[in-house]
Amino acid sequence: MAKWALVSDFDGTASLTDVGDAIVRTYAGPKAWREVDGAIRRGELTTKGAYEVVYDRIRVSAAELGEFVLRFPLDPHFAAAAELFARYGLPAVIVSDGFDFYIDRLLARAALTWLPRFCNHLEIAGTRPQVSFPYHGALACHRCANCKTYHLERLKAQGYSIVYLGDGHTDRCAARQADLVFAKGYLASFLAQRGVPFHPFQHFADTLPRLRALLTWSKESPADGACATGE
């Protein structure tokens, strides 16, 4: 059986809304990102540095923020995609440039605490957010706060081919390293402009027929003694 791993972005992909962006807009102000965007474009700030600047402006208790993030739903078919891979004994993981504070709460609400996630860390001390970035610069590239390509390479080193799903700027590198890509939003435009193959999608329901077919075909591939006809 061919070995596939499902790797998904979180904000705007596994979740219907960019939860991290909603936190910043609500608690740091609607212009908070705009004020650091110029510095990022000029190379004066990395994504990590921008997070540090923006979150330093936020004052909110852990209880209030915990209630706030639970307003946001996951994609209703995300669990089905993750469970599909789990049934075949294959990994399904989240890689996110967002934070565990809200990812863990939303996964717990959906009974998906078994799902591994690799992301940045956020905790609240009183009313002051404290952020840290355990995977920043993991491949000596400091463009993103969490190096998603690093996590893909770890799976590839175990012999897995990668199905990747994403929508944003921090998915660009990982998508180009994946074997099968589902993209929407900015990521779809970015890949299309560069001639990188991908399958467009809006919701996980769009991906399920192809994912089921992929895993069924893989299980019946010549490696398992079946005859591949190309039909």
Foldseek 3Di string as FASTA:
>chain_A
DAAAEEEEEFACAQWVHRLQLVQLCVFQHVCLVVVCVVCLVVVNDAQVRSCVVSLQRGFAALVVSLVVLVVTATFPCSVVLQVVQVVVVHAYAYEYQDEPSNVVSNCVVVVNNVHHYQYWYWDQDNGGIDTDQPQACVVPDRRGSHQPLVVVVVVVVVNHAYEYEDEDDNCQVVQQVHDAYEYDHPNVVVCVVVVHDYHYDNGCVVVVVVSVVVVVCVCQDCVVPHDDDVD
